[in-house]
C-alpha atoms as a PDB file:
ATOM      1  CA  MET A   1      19.214   7.218 -53.140  1.00  0.00           C
ATOM      2  CA  ALA A   2      16.662   6.416 -56.289  1.00  0.00           C
ATOM      3  CA  ASP A   3      15.892   3.046 -56.891  1.00  0.00           C
ATOM      4  CA  ASN A   4      18.405   1.329 -59.686  1.00  0.00           C
ATOM      5  CA  LYS A   5      20.620   5.039 -59.308  1.00  0.00           C
ATOM      6  CA  LYS A   6      24.562   3.417 -58.912  1.00  0.00           C
ATOM      7  CA  SER A   7      26.303   6.887 -58.851  1.00  0.00           C
ATOM      8  CA  PHE A   8      26.028  10.246 -57.580  1.00  0.00           C
ATOM      9  CA  VAL A   9      27.942  13.749 -57.772  1.00  0.00           C
ATOM     10  CA  LEU A  10      30.827  15.233 -55.936  1.00  0.00           C
ATOM     11  CA  TYR A  11      31.194  18.961 -56.704  1.00  0.00           C
ATOM     12  CA  CYS A  12      34.742  20.116 -57.008  1.00  0.00           C
ATOM     13  CA  ASP A  13      34.276  23.037 -54.877  1.00  0.00           C
ATOM     14  CA  LEU A  14      34.539  20.449 -51.658  1.00  0.00           C
ATOM     15  CA  ILE A  15      37.977  20.886 -51.577  1.00  0.00           C
ATOM     16  CA  HIS A  16      37.747  23.430 -50.045  1.00  0.00           C
ATOM     17  CA  THR A  17      36.100  21.838 -47.403  1.00  0.00           C
ATOM     18  CA  ILE A  18      38.279  18.572 -47.286  1.00  0.00           C
ATOM     19  CA  GLU A  19      41.357  20.277 -47.260  1.00  0.00           C
ATOM     20  CA  LYS A  20      40.839  21.998 -44.215  1.00  0.00           C
ATOM     21  CA  LEU A  21      40.411  19.422 -42.101  1.00  0.00           C
ATOM     22  CA  PRO A  22      43.140  16.967 -40.865  1.00  0.00           C
ATOM     23  CA  ASP A  23      43.341  13.389 -42.753  1.00  0.00           C
ATOM     24  CA  ASP A  24      41.431  11.571 -39.875  1.00  0.00           C
ATOM     25  CA  LYS A  25      38.356  14.081 -39.675  1.00  0.00           C
ATOM     26  CA  ALA A  26      38.402  13.893 -43.638  1.00  0.00           C
ATOM     27  CA  GLY A  27      38.724   9.995 -43.929  1.00  0.00           C
ATOM     28  CA  LEU A  28      35.576  10.165 -41.751  1.00  0.00           C
ATOM     29  CA  LEU A  29      33.842  12.229 -43.528  1.00  0.00           C
ATOM     30  CA  PHE A  30      33.705  10.484 -46.774  1.00  0.00           C
ATOM     31  CA  LYS A  31      32.828   6.877 -45.113  1.00  0.00           C
ATOM     32  CA  HIS A  32      29.951   8.800 -43.877  1.00  0.00           C
ATOM     33  CA  LEU A  33      29.366   9.769 -47.683  1.00  0.00           C
ATOM     34  CA  LEU A  34      29.274   6.427 -48.632  1.00  0.00           C
ATOM     35  CA  ARG A  35      27.337   5.328 -46.080  1.00  0.00           C
ATOM     36  CA  TYR A  36      24.491   8.395 -46.615  1.00  0.00           C
ATOM     37  CA  VAL A  37      24.628   7.464 -50.175  1.00  0.00           C
ATOM     38  CA  ASN A  38      24.183   3.770 -49.631  1.00  0.00           C
ATOM     39  CA  ASP A  39      21.038   4.739 -47.665  1.00  0.00           C
ATOM     40  CA  LYS A  40      22.566   3.103 -44.197  1.00  0.00           C
ATOM     41  CA  ASN A  41      21.028   6.660 -42.347  1.00  0.00           C
ATOM     42  CA  PRO A  42      24.562   7.121 -40.483  1.00  0.00           C
ATOM     43  CA  THR A  43      24.985   9.021 -37.924  1.00  0.00           C
ATOM     44  CA  THR A  44      27.968  10.501 -36.084  1.00  0.00           C
ATOM     45  CA  GLU A  45      28.859  11.619 -32.708  1.00  0.00           C
ATOM     46  CA  ASP A  46      31.401  13.979 -34.502  1.00  0.00           C
ATOM     47  CA  LEU A  47      30.588  17.537 -34.777  1.00  0.00           C
ATOM     48  CA  ILE A  48      32.877  18.717 -36.570  1.00  0.00           C
ATOM     49  CA  VAL A  49      32.175  15.757 -39.391  1.00  0.00           C
ATOM     50  CA  GLU A  50      28.365  16.836 -38.889  1.00  0.00           C
ATOM     51  CA  ILE A  51      28.912  20.024 -39.742  1.00  0.00           C
ATOM     52  CA  ALA A  52      31.482  19.420 -42.881  1.00  0.00           C
ATOM     53  CA  PHE A  53      28.550  16.648 -44.254  1.00  0.00           C
ATOM     54  CA  GLU A  54      25.695  19.211 -43.626  1.00  0.00           C
ATOM     55  CA  PRO A  55      26.217  21.421 -47.063  1.00  0.00           C
ATOM     56  CA  ILE A  56      27.132  17.794 -48.605  1.00  0.00           C
ATOM     57  CA  LYS A  57      24.253  16.180 -47.627  1.00  0.00           C
ATOM     58  CA  HIS A  58      20.937  19.075 -48.567  1.00  0.00           C
ATOM     59  CA  GLN A  59      23.421  19.085 -52.039  1.00  0.00           C
ATOM     60  CA  LEU A  60      22.785  15.924 -52.704  1.00  0.00           C
ATOM     61  CA  LYS A  61      18.785  15.674 -51.707  1.00  0.00           C
ATOM     62  CA  ARG A  62      18.731  18.474 -54.402  1.00  0.00           C
ATOM     63  CA  ASP A  63      20.290  16.573 -57.098  1.00  0.00           C
ATOM     64  CA  LEU A  64      18.161  13.627 -56.329  1.00  0.00           C
ATOM     65  CA  THR A  65      15.063  15.823 -57.079  1.00  0.00           C
ATOM     66  CA  LYS A  66      16.274  17.083 -59.721  1.00  0.00           C
ATOM     67  CA  TRP A  67      17.078  12.891 -61.234  1.00  0.00           C
ATOM     68  CA  ASP A  68      13.427  11.957 -60.288  1.00  0.00           C
ATOM     69  CA  ASN A  69      12.197  14.644 -61.949  1.00  0.00           C
ATOM     70  CA  LYS A  70      14.002  13.952 -64.999  1.00  0.00           C
ATOM     71  CA  ILE A  71      13.104  10.304 -64.905  1.00  0.00           C
ATOM     72  CA  ASP A  72       9.344  11.424 -64.193  1.00  0.00           C
ATOM     73  CA  LYS A  73       9.488  13.479 -67.527  1.00  0.00           C
ATOM     74  CA  LEU A  74      11.291  10.648 -69.222  1.00  0.00           C
ATOM     75  CA  THR A  75       8.713   8.610 -68.887  1.00  0.00           C
ATOM     76  CA  GLU A  76       5.789  10.178 -69.744  1.00  0.00           C
ATOM     77  CA  GLN A  77       7.887  10.842 -72.959  1.00  0.00           C
ATOM     78  CA  GLY A  78       8.070   7.664 -73.417  1.00  0.00           C
ATOM     79  CA  ARG A  79       4.299   6.836 -72.568  1.00  0.00           C
ATOM     80  CA  LEU A  80       3.081   9.835 -74.847  1.00  0.00           C
ATOM     81  CA  GLY A  81       5.324   8.390 -77.798  1.00  0.00           C
ATOM     82  CA  GLY A  82       3.670   5.074 -77.453  1.00  0.00           C
ATOM     83  CA  VAL A  83       0.061   6.654 -77.235  1.00  0.00           C
ATOM     84  CA  LYS A  84       0.940   8.273 -80.626  1.00  0.00           C
ATOM     85  CA  SER A  85       2.158   4.983 -82.661  1.00  0.00           C
ATOM     86  CA  GLY A  86      -0.943   3.320 -81.193  1.00  0.00           C
ATOM     87  CA  GLU A  87      -3.020   6.260 -83.053  1.00  0.00           C
ATOM     88  CA  ALA A  88      -0.956   5.845 -85.967  1.00  0.00           C
ATOM     89  CA  ARG A  89      -1.759   2.073 -85.744  1.00  0.00           C
ATOM     90  CA  ALA A  90      -5.647   2.677 -85.485  1.00  0.00           C
ATOM     91  CA  LEU A  91      -5.379   4.889 -88.476  1.00  0.00           C
ATOM     92  CA  LYS A  92      -3.506   2.324 -90.982  1.00  0.00           C
ATOM     93  CA  LYS A  93      -6.131   0.338 -89.705  1.00  0.00           C
ATOM     94  CA  LYS A  94      -9.160   2.385 -90.676  1.00  0.00           C
ATOM     95  CA  GLN A  95      -6.942   3.062 -94.047  1.00  0.00           C
ATOM     96  CA  ASN A  96      -6.824  -0.395 -94.937  1.00  0.00           C
ATOM     97  CA  GLU A  97     -10.559  -1.131 -93.471  1.00  0.00           C
ATOM     98  CA  ALA A  98     -11.710   1.728 -96.187  1.00  0.00           C
ATOM     99  CA  ASN A  99      -9.499   0.363 -99.046  1.00  0.00           C
ATOM    100  CA  ALA A 100     -10.714  -3.244 -98.837  1.00  0.00           C
ATOM    101  CA  SER A 101     -14.646  -1.795 -98.977  1.00  0.00           C
ATOM    102  CA  ASN A 102     -13.439   0.188-102.186  1.00  0.00           C
ATOM    103  CA  ASN A 103     -12.228  -2.805-103.574  1.00  0.00           C
ATOM    104  CA  GLU A 104     -15.272  -4.478-103.424  1.00  0.00           C
ATOM    105  CA  ALA A 105     -17.227  -1.960-105.160  1.00  0.00           C
ATOM    106  CA  ASN A 106     -14.771  -2.084-107.842  1.00  0.00           C
ATOM    107  CA  GLU A 107     -15.604  -5.494-108.690  1.00  0.00           C
ATOM    108  CA  ALA A 108     -18.638  -4.841-110.472  1.00  0.00           C
ATOM    109  CA  VAL A 109     -16.968  -2.903-113.192  1.00  0.00           C
ATOM    110  CA  THR A 110     -15.970  -4.413-116.508  1.00  0.00           C
ATOM    111  CA  VAL A 111     -13.769  -6.940-117.559  1.00  0.00           C
ATOM    112  CA  THR A 112     -10.884  -4.937-118.777  1.00  0.00           C
ATOM    113  CA  VAL A 113     -11.507  -2.187-115.440  1.00  0.00           C
ATOM    114  CA  THR A 114     -11.070  -5.151-113.304  1.00  0.00           C
ATOM    115  CA  ASP A 115      -7.884  -6.479-114.634  1.00  0.00           C
ATOM    116  CA  THR A 116      -6.609  -3.276-113.911  1.00  0.00           C
ATOM    117  CA  VAL A 117      -7.954  -3.014-110.461  1.00  0.00           C
ATOM    118  CA  THR A 118      -7.065  -6.687-109.472  1.00  0.00           C
ATOM    119  CA  VAL A 119      -3.187  -5.945-110.224  1.00  0.00           C
ATOM    120  CA  THR A 120      -3.540  -2.804-108.165  1.00  0.00           C
ATOM    121  CA  ASP A 121      -4.847  -5.326-105.043  1.00  0.00           C
ATOM    122  CA  ASN A 122      -2.455  -7.194-105.619  1.00  0.00           C
ATOM    123  CA  VAL A 123       0.606  -4.547-105.010  1.00  0.00           C
ATOM    124  CA  ASN A 124      -1.430  -2.722-102.537  1.00  0.00           C
ATOM    125  CA  ASP A 125      -1.824  -6.745-100.345  1.00  0.00           C
ATOM    126  CA  ILE A 126       1.755  -6.938-100.536  1.00  0.00           C
ATOM    127  CA  PHE A 127       2.074  -3.375 -99.156  1.00  0.00           C
ATOM    128  CA  PHE A 128       0.231  -3.578 -96.423  1.00  0.00           C
ATOM    129  CA  LYS A 129       1.068  -7.181 -95.919  1.00  0.00           C
ATOM    130  CA  LYS A 130       4.100  -6.198 -95.105  1.00  0.00           C
ATOM    131  CA  LYS A 131       2.930  -2.881 -92.855  1.00  0.00           C
ATOM    132  CA  ASN A 132       0.907  -5.364 -90.634  1.00  0.00           C
ATOM    133  CA  ILE A 133       3.967  -7.775 -89.978  1.00  0.00           C
ATOM    134  CA  THR A 134       6.307  -4.961 -88.929  1.00  0.00           C
ATOM    135  CA  GLU A 135       3.584  -3.455 -86.656  1.00  0.00           C
ATOM    136  CA  GLN A 136       3.147  -7.117 -85.219  1.00  0.00           C
ATOM    137  CA  MET A 137       6.619  -7.581 -84.734  1.00  0.00           C
ATOM    138  CA  LEU A 138       6.726  -4.163 -83.198  1.00  0.00           C
ATOM    139  CA  ASP A 139       3.681  -4.656 -80.861  1.00  0.00           C
ATOM    140  CA  ASP A 140       5.294  -8.260 -79.867  1.00  0.00           C
ATOM    141  CA  LEU A 141       8.776  -6.831 -79.057  1.00  0.00           C
ATOM    142  CA  GLU A 142       8.464  -6.211 -75.836  1.00  0.00           C
ATOM    143  CA  ASN A 143       7.176  -9.690 -74.747  1.00  0.00           C
ATOM    144  CA  SER A 144       9.297 -11.996 -77.329  1.00  0.00           C
ATOM    145  CA  THR A 145      11.810 -14.378 -76.323  1.00  0.00           C
ATOM    146  CA  HIS A 146      14.031 -11.603 -78.461  1.00  0.00           C
ATOM    147  CA  ILE A 147      14.429  -9.540 -75.700  1.00  0.00           C
ATOM    148  CA  GLU A 148      16.616 -11.445 -73.626  1.00  0.00           C
ATOM    149  CA  LEU A 149      18.965 -11.079 -76.995  1.00  0.00           C
ATOM    150  CA  VAL A 150      18.750  -7.123 -77.129  1.00  0.00           C
ATOM    151  CA  CYS A 151      19.339  -6.838 -73.292  1.00  0.00           C
ATOM    152  CA  LYS A 152      22.488  -9.766 -73.247  1.00  0.00           C
ATOM    153  CA  ARG A 153      23.855  -7.835 -76.578  1.00  0.00           C
ATOM    154  CA  THR A 154      23.488  -4.194 -75.667  1.00  0.00           C
ATOM    155  CA  GLU A 155      24.197  -5.097 -71.595  1.00  0.00           C
ATOM    156  CA  LEU A 156      21.444  -2.602 -70.260  1.00  0.00           C
ATOM    157  CA  SER A 157      18.592  -4.054 -68.094  1.00  0.00           C
ATOM    158  CA  LEU A 158      15.404  -5.343 -69.102  1.00  0.00           C
ATOM    159  CA  ASP A 159      13.354  -2.279 -67.994  1.00  0.00           C
ATOM    160  CA  LYS A 160      15.726   0.234 -69.621  1.00  0.00           C
ATOM    161  CA  ILE A 161      15.364  -1.399 -72.885  1.00  0.00           C
ATOM    162  CA  LYS A 162      11.507  -1.680 -72.506  1.00  0.00           C
ATOM    163  CA  LEU A 163      11.723   2.149 -72.071  1.00  0.00           C
ATOM    164  CA  LYS A 164      13.580   2.590 -75.119  1.00  0.00           C
ATOM    165  CA  ILE A 165      10.510   0.445 -77.235  1.00  0.00           C
ATOM    166  CA  PRO A 166       8.066   2.707 -77.638  1.00  0.00           C
ATOM    167  CA  GLU A 167      10.654   5.741 -79.131  1.00  0.00           C
ATOM    168  CA  PHE A 168      12.169   2.617 -81.238  1.00  0.00           C
ATOM    169  CA  LYS A 169       8.959   1.906 -83.037  1.00  0.00           C
ATOM    170  CA  LYS A 170       8.509   5.983 -84.527  1.00  0.00           C
ATOM    171  CA  ILE A 171      12.006   5.249 -86.361  1.00  0.00           C
ATOM    172  CA  ALA A 172      11.200   1.453 -86.982  1.00  0.00           C
ATOM    173  CA  ASN A 173      11.761   0.673 -90.920  1.00  0.00           C
ATOM    174  CA  ILE A 174       8.291  -0.917 -92.187  1.00  0.00           C
ATOM    175  CA  GLU A 175       9.971  -3.202 -94.377  1.00  0.00           C
ATOM    176  CA  TYR A 176      11.446  -5.857 -92.020  1.00  0.00           C
ATOM    177  CA  THR A 177      10.463  -9.425 -93.251  1.00  0.00           C
ATOM    178  CA  LYS A 178      11.770 -11.540 -90.201  1.00  0.00           C
ATOM    179  CA  PRO A 179      11.552 -10.586 -86.627  1.00  0.00           C
ATOM    180  CA  ILE A 180      15.100 -11.140 -86.036  1.00  0.00           C
ATOM    181  CA  ASP A 181      15.828  -8.422 -88.778  1.00  0.00           C
ATOM    182  CA  LEU A 182      13.891  -5.949 -86.579  1.00  0.00           C
ATOM    183  CA  VAL A 183      15.655  -7.289 -83.532  1.00  0.00           C
ATOM    184  CA  MET A 184      19.058  -6.632 -84.683  1.00  0.00           C
ATOM    185  CA  HIS A 185      17.978  -3.140 -85.972  1.00  0.00           C
ATOM    186  CA  PHE A 186      16.934  -2.625 -82.634  1.00  0.00           C
ATOM    187  CA  ILE A 187      20.060  -3.397 -80.838  1.00  0.00           C
ATOM    188  CA  ARG A 188      21.722  -1.518 -83.254  1.00  0.00           C
ATOM    189  CA  TRP A 189      19.802   1.481 -82.201  1.00  0.00           C
ATOM    190  CA  VAL A 190      20.496   0.981 -78.511  1.00  0.00           C
ATOM    191  CA  ASN A 191      23.579   0.764 -78.872  1.00  0.00           C
ATOM    192  CA  GLN A 192      24.432   3.869 -80.924  1.00  0.00           C
ATOM    193  CA  ASN A 193      21.907   5.827 -77.630  1.00  0.00           C
ATOM    194  CA  LYS A 194      23.539   3.756 -75.023  1.00  0.00           C
ATOM    195  CA  LYS A 195      25.013   7.029 -73.336  1.00  0.00           C
ATOM    196  CA  VAL A 196      21.416   8.353 -74.142  1.00  0.00           C
ATOM    197  CA  ILE A 197      20.123   5.424 -71.938  1.00  0.00           C
ATOM    198  CA  ASP A 198      22.086   4.442 -69.511  1.00  0.00           C
ATOM    199  CA  LYS A 199      21.789   7.797 -67.247  1.00  0.00           C
ATOM    200  CA  SER A 200      23.577   6.783 -63.943  1.00  0.00           C
ATOM    201  CA  THR A 201      26.744   7.021 -65.674  1.00  0.00           C
ATOM    202  CA  LEU A 202      26.410  10.314 -66.847  1.00  0.00           C
ATOM    203  CA  THR A 203      28.560  13.700 -64.973  1.00  0.00           C
ATOM    204  CA  LEU A 204      25.878  16.624 -64.178  1.00  0.00           C
ATOM    205  CA  ASP A 205      27.017  18.517 -67.405  1.00  0.00           C
ATOM    206  CA  GLU A 206      26.154  15.258 -69.329  1.00  0.00           C
ATOM    207  CA  ARG A 207      23.173  14.739 -67.878  1.00  0.00           C
ATOM    208  CA  GLU A 208      22.074  18.570 -68.482  1.00  0.00           C
ATOM    209  CA  GLU A 209      23.460  18.662 -71.941  1.00  0.00           C
ATOM    210  CA  PHE A 210      21.031  14.948 -72.198  1.00  0.00           C
ATOM    211  CA  MET A 211      17.908  16.633 -71.105  1.00  0.00           C
ATOM    212  CA  ARG A 212      18.660  19.502 -73.279  1.00  0.00           C
ATOM    213  CA  ASN A 213      18.780  16.896 -76.661  1.00  0.00           C
ATOM    214  CA  ALA A 214      15.722  15.310 -74.753  1.00  0.00           C
ATOM    215  CA  GLY A 215      13.783  17.910 -75.462  1.00  0.00           C
ATOM    216  CA  LYS A 216      14.331  18.369 -79.138  1.00  0.00           C
ATOM    217  CA  MET A 217      13.211  15.120 -79.381  1.00  0.00           C
END
């Protein structure tokens, strides 16, 4: 089993094999299966159990390969999302610096025009200040003291929460004035999308549906 993977899929057509086994052999097969998925590397001298388990083992390996590929793809999507978010913040910073330079140049105009520019500057300062506060809070979210509260309220591990932060940054509201407002929004958003995060609880059909939806994001 992969790290942090706490479940596996058994297919309904396995009943055709199980029904042909006596109860004691079926019990041995099930024990052997559980030992295998718990990485105990089981061996058996019972030829019937060994033969019955062989196709099950290969199906489990195929499922695990699909799982690993999906996790790698989601991780890469999260990384790319973080890169794009960083590029967007860098562009905003350049725009702010350009606006600041323009404001300094406007100080040399007449008194009437200067008064008008000052009012505009005050409005822009308030707007960009809000944006910068939100950006700072988003940047600090992963390492903030509030992250433990997020884990507790969502009942998810820290690793899973951190995977969702880049995606949340893309939809976060820029009007937060306090860190707790951002944190509570993040908690609500994670809980609404928990089914997507907690992949270990999904059935095979649900995982396939999740991957189709993930490709549309």
